[in-house]
N, C-alpha and C. Protein backbone atom coordinates (compact mmCIF):
# COMPACT_ATOMS: atom_id res chain seq x y z
N MET A 1 11.17 -1.41 9.59
CA MET A 1 11.90 -0.77 8.52
C MET A 1 13.12 -0.09 9.11
N LYS A 2 14.23 -0.30 8.48
CA LYS A 2 15.48 0.25 8.98
C LYS A 2 15.69 1.70 8.56
N THR A 3 15.41 1.99 7.31
CA THR A 3 15.66 3.32 6.77
C THR A 3 14.38 4.15 6.78
N LYS A 4 14.51 5.40 7.16
CA LYS A 4 13.36 6.30 7.09
C LYS A 4 13.42 7.04 5.77
N TYR A 5 12.37 6.89 5.00
CA TYR A 5 12.28 7.57 3.71
C TYR A 5 11.31 8.74 3.84
N PRO A 6 11.51 9.79 3.05
CA PRO A 6 10.60 10.93 3.14
C PRO A 6 9.16 10.58 2.78
N THR A 7 8.98 9.47 2.08
CA THR A 7 7.63 9.07 1.66
C THR A 7 6.92 8.22 2.71
N ASN A 8 7.58 7.88 3.80
CA ASN A 8 6.96 7.04 4.83
C ASN A 8 5.78 7.74 5.48
N LEU A 9 4.78 6.95 5.82
CA LEU A 9 3.60 7.47 6.51
C LEU A 9 3.93 7.78 7.96
N THR A 10 3.32 8.83 8.47
CA THR A 10 3.40 9.08 9.91
C THR A 10 2.37 8.17 10.59
N ASP A 11 2.47 8.06 11.90
CA ASP A 11 1.50 7.23 12.62
C ASP A 11 0.08 7.77 12.46
N ASN A 12 -0.08 9.09 12.47
CA ASN A 12 -1.41 9.68 12.30
C ASN A 12 -1.98 9.39 10.92
N GLN A 13 -1.15 9.50 9.89
CA GLN A 13 -1.60 9.19 8.53
C GLN A 13 -2.02 7.73 8.42
N TYR A 14 -1.21 6.85 9.00
CA TYR A 14 -1.52 5.42 8.95
C TYR A 14 -2.82 5.11 9.69
N ASP A 15 -3.01 5.72 10.84
CA ASP A 15 -4.26 5.51 11.60
C ASP A 15 -5.48 5.96 10.80
N THR A 16 -5.34 7.06 10.08
CA THR A 16 -6.44 7.55 9.24
C THR A 16 -6.75 6.54 8.14
N ILE A 17 -5.73 6.02 7.50
CA ILE A 17 -5.92 5.02 6.44
C ILE A 17 -6.58 3.77 7.00
N LEU A 18 -6.16 3.34 8.18
CA LEU A 18 -6.77 2.14 8.80
C LEU A 18 -8.26 2.35 9.06
N ARG A 19 -8.63 3.56 9.48
CA ARG A 19 -10.05 3.83 9.72
C ARG A 19 -10.84 3.79 8.41
N ILE A 20 -10.23 4.25 7.33
CA ILE A 20 -10.91 4.23 6.03
C ILE A 20 -11.03 2.80 5.51
N ILE A 21 -9.94 2.05 5.60
CA ILE A 21 -9.93 0.68 5.09
C ILE A 21 -10.82 -0.22 5.95
N ASN A 22 -10.77 -0.03 7.27
CA ASN A 22 -11.58 -0.80 8.20
C ASN A 22 -11.40 -2.30 7.99
N ASP A 23 -10.16 -2.73 7.94
CA ASP A 23 -9.83 -4.13 7.71
C ASP A 23 -8.88 -4.59 8.81
N LYS A 24 -9.28 -5.57 9.57
CA LYS A 24 -8.49 -6.00 10.72
C LYS A 24 -7.84 -7.37 10.51
N ARG A 25 -7.71 -7.77 9.24
CA ARG A 25 -7.08 -9.07 8.96
C ARG A 25 -5.63 -9.10 9.40
N LYS A 26 -5.18 -10.28 9.74
CA LYS A 26 -3.75 -10.45 10.02
C LYS A 26 -3.04 -10.66 8.70
N ARG A 27 -1.87 -10.08 8.58
CA ARG A 27 -1.10 -10.16 7.34
C ARG A 27 0.30 -10.68 7.61
N GLN A 28 0.91 -11.22 6.58
CA GLN A 28 2.29 -11.68 6.70
C GLN A 28 3.25 -10.50 6.75
N SER A 29 2.89 -9.43 6.05
CA SER A 29 3.70 -8.20 6.06
C SER A 29 2.89 -7.09 6.69
N SER A 30 3.58 -6.19 7.32
CA SER A 30 2.92 -5.03 7.91
C SER A 30 2.28 -4.20 6.81
N LEU A 31 1.01 -3.87 6.99
CA LEU A 31 0.31 -3.05 6.00
C LEU A 31 0.97 -1.68 5.89
N LYS A 32 1.46 -1.17 6.99
CA LYS A 32 2.14 0.13 6.96
C LYS A 32 3.38 0.06 6.07
N GLU A 33 4.13 -1.03 6.16
CA GLU A 33 5.33 -1.18 5.33
C GLU A 33 4.95 -1.33 3.86
N VAL A 34 3.87 -2.03 3.58
CA VAL A 34 3.41 -2.19 2.20
C VAL A 34 3.00 -0.82 1.64
N LEU A 35 2.25 -0.05 2.42
CA LEU A 35 1.83 1.27 1.96
C LEU A 35 3.03 2.21 1.79
N ASN A 36 3.99 2.11 2.71
CA ASN A 36 5.21 2.92 2.56
C ASN A 36 5.92 2.57 1.25
N ALA A 37 5.97 1.30 0.91
CA ALA A 37 6.60 0.87 -0.34
C ALA A 37 5.85 1.41 -1.54
N ILE A 38 4.52 1.39 -1.49
CA ILE A 38 3.71 1.91 -2.60
C ILE A 38 3.97 3.41 -2.77
N PHE A 39 3.99 4.15 -1.67
CA PHE A 39 4.24 5.59 -1.77
C PHE A 39 5.66 5.87 -2.27
N TYR A 40 6.61 5.04 -1.87
CA TYR A 40 7.98 5.18 -2.37
C TYR A 40 8.03 4.98 -3.88
N LEU A 41 7.36 3.93 -4.34
CA LEU A 41 7.31 3.66 -5.79
C LEU A 41 6.66 4.81 -6.56
N LEU A 42 5.56 5.31 -6.05
CA LEU A 42 4.86 6.38 -6.73
C LEU A 42 5.69 7.67 -6.79
N LYS A 43 6.42 7.95 -5.73
CA LYS A 43 7.22 9.17 -5.67
C LYS A 43 8.49 9.05 -6.51
N THR A 44 9.18 7.92 -6.43
CA THR A 44 10.48 7.80 -7.09
C THR A 44 10.38 7.28 -8.51
N GLY A 45 9.32 6.53 -8.81
CA GLY A 45 9.18 5.96 -10.14
C GLY A 45 10.12 4.79 -10.38
N CYS A 46 10.63 4.20 -9.31
CA CYS A 46 11.55 3.06 -9.49
C CYS A 46 10.78 1.84 -9.99
N GLN A 47 11.50 0.89 -10.50
CA GLN A 47 10.88 -0.34 -10.98
C GLN A 47 10.51 -1.21 -9.78
N TRP A 48 9.48 -2.03 -9.97
CA TRP A 48 9.01 -2.89 -8.88
C TRP A 48 10.15 -3.70 -8.29
N ARG A 49 10.92 -4.32 -9.15
CA ARG A 49 11.98 -5.22 -8.69
C ARG A 49 13.16 -4.49 -8.07
N MET A 50 13.16 -3.18 -8.16
CA MET A 50 14.26 -2.40 -7.60
C MET A 50 13.88 -1.72 -6.28
N LEU A 51 12.78 -2.16 -5.69
CA LEU A 51 12.41 -1.63 -4.37
C LEU A 51 13.53 -1.92 -3.38
N PRO A 52 13.88 -0.96 -2.53
CA PRO A 52 14.89 -1.23 -1.51
C PRO A 52 14.49 -2.43 -0.65
N ARG A 53 15.46 -3.13 -0.16
CA ARG A 53 15.20 -4.34 0.64
C ARG A 53 14.58 -4.04 2.00
N ASP A 54 14.51 -2.76 2.36
CA ASP A 54 13.85 -2.39 3.62
C ASP A 54 12.35 -2.65 3.57
N PHE A 55 11.81 -2.69 2.37
CA PHE A 55 10.37 -2.89 2.18
C PHE A 55 10.07 -4.38 2.03
N PRO A 56 8.78 -4.75 2.14
CA PRO A 56 8.42 -6.15 1.86
C PRO A 56 8.79 -6.51 0.42
N LYS A 57 8.76 -7.79 0.12
CA LYS A 57 9.10 -8.24 -1.23
C LYS A 57 8.22 -7.53 -2.25
N TRP A 58 8.81 -7.23 -3.40
CA TRP A 58 8.11 -6.46 -4.42
C TRP A 58 6.82 -7.16 -4.87
N GLU A 59 6.81 -8.49 -4.89
CA GLU A 59 5.61 -9.22 -5.32
C GLU A 59 4.43 -8.94 -4.39
N ARG A 60 4.72 -8.86 -3.11
CA ARG A 60 3.65 -8.58 -2.15
C ARG A 60 3.16 -7.15 -2.28
N VAL A 61 4.06 -6.22 -2.46
CA VAL A 61 3.68 -4.82 -2.65
C VAL A 61 2.86 -4.68 -3.93
N TYR A 62 3.28 -5.34 -4.99
CA TYR A 62 2.58 -5.33 -6.27
C TYR A 62 1.16 -5.86 -6.11
N TYR A 63 1.03 -6.96 -5.37
CA TYR A 63 -0.29 -7.56 -5.13
C TYR A 63 -1.22 -6.56 -4.45
N TYR A 64 -0.78 -5.93 -3.37
CA TYR A 64 -1.62 -4.97 -2.66
C TYR A 64 -1.92 -3.74 -3.49
N PHE A 65 -0.94 -3.27 -4.26
CA PHE A 65 -1.16 -2.12 -5.12
C PHE A 65 -2.31 -2.38 -6.08
N HIS A 66 -2.25 -3.52 -6.76
CA HIS A 66 -3.31 -3.83 -7.72
C HIS A 66 -4.64 -4.16 -7.04
N LEU A 67 -4.60 -4.75 -5.89
CA LEU A 67 -5.82 -5.01 -5.14
C LEU A 67 -6.52 -3.70 -4.79
N TYR A 68 -5.76 -2.73 -4.30
CA TYR A 68 -6.36 -1.46 -3.91
C TYR A 68 -6.81 -0.65 -5.12
N ILE A 69 -6.11 -0.77 -6.24
CA ILE A 69 -6.55 -0.09 -7.47
C ILE A 69 -7.91 -0.64 -7.90
N ILE A 70 -8.06 -1.96 -7.88
CA ILE A 70 -9.33 -2.59 -8.27
C ILE A 70 -10.44 -2.17 -7.32
N LEU A 71 -10.18 -2.21 -6.01
CA LEU A 71 -11.20 -1.82 -5.03
C LEU A 71 -11.58 -0.36 -5.18
N TRP A 72 -10.60 0.51 -5.46
CA TRP A 72 -10.88 1.92 -5.63
C TRP A 72 -11.77 2.15 -6.84
N ARG A 73 -11.46 1.47 -7.95
CA ARG A 73 -12.27 1.61 -9.15
C ARG A 73 -13.69 1.12 -8.93
N MET A 74 -13.84 0.04 -8.18
CA MET A 74 -15.19 -0.46 -7.89
C MET A 74 -15.96 0.52 -7.02
N ARG A 75 -15.26 1.19 -6.13
CA ARG A 75 -15.91 2.15 -5.25
C ARG A 75 -16.35 3.39 -6.02
N ILE A 76 -15.54 3.81 -6.97
CA ILE A 76 -15.87 5.00 -7.76
C ILE A 76 -17.00 4.70 -8.74
N SER A 77 -16.92 3.58 -9.44
CA SER A 77 -17.95 3.25 -10.42
C SER A 77 -18.43 1.81 -10.18
N PRO A 78 -19.26 1.62 -9.15
CA PRO A 78 -19.71 0.26 -8.84
C PRO A 78 -20.54 -0.33 -9.99
N ILE A 79 -20.42 -1.61 -10.13
CA ILE A 79 -21.17 -2.31 -11.18
C ILE A 79 -22.61 -2.47 -10.69
N ASN A 80 -23.54 -2.13 -11.54
CA ASN A 80 -24.96 -2.26 -11.20
C ASN A 80 -25.51 -3.46 -11.94
N PHE A 81 -25.88 -4.50 -11.20
CA PHE A 81 -26.39 -5.73 -11.80
C PHE A 81 -27.91 -5.73 -11.95
N ASN A 82 -28.58 -4.64 -11.64
CA ASN A 82 -30.04 -4.58 -11.75
C ASN A 82 -30.49 -4.26 -13.14
């Protein structure tokens, strides 16, 4: 990332998130950059398609945002199939 935004994660914050997520998959985009983009969107309220070009493509950020929302909801209220 070329520009430093106030919403960017520090290395310590990112390491904490990685320990929580516990996911070691290889990705096309840096997870840190995707998370930085999500935090930028949440703070500024900009439209998805107006994300600065310093971040990964908006479609990829959108995908991860919705993926994590779904996973978070499942964690809070897991479906009981019994």
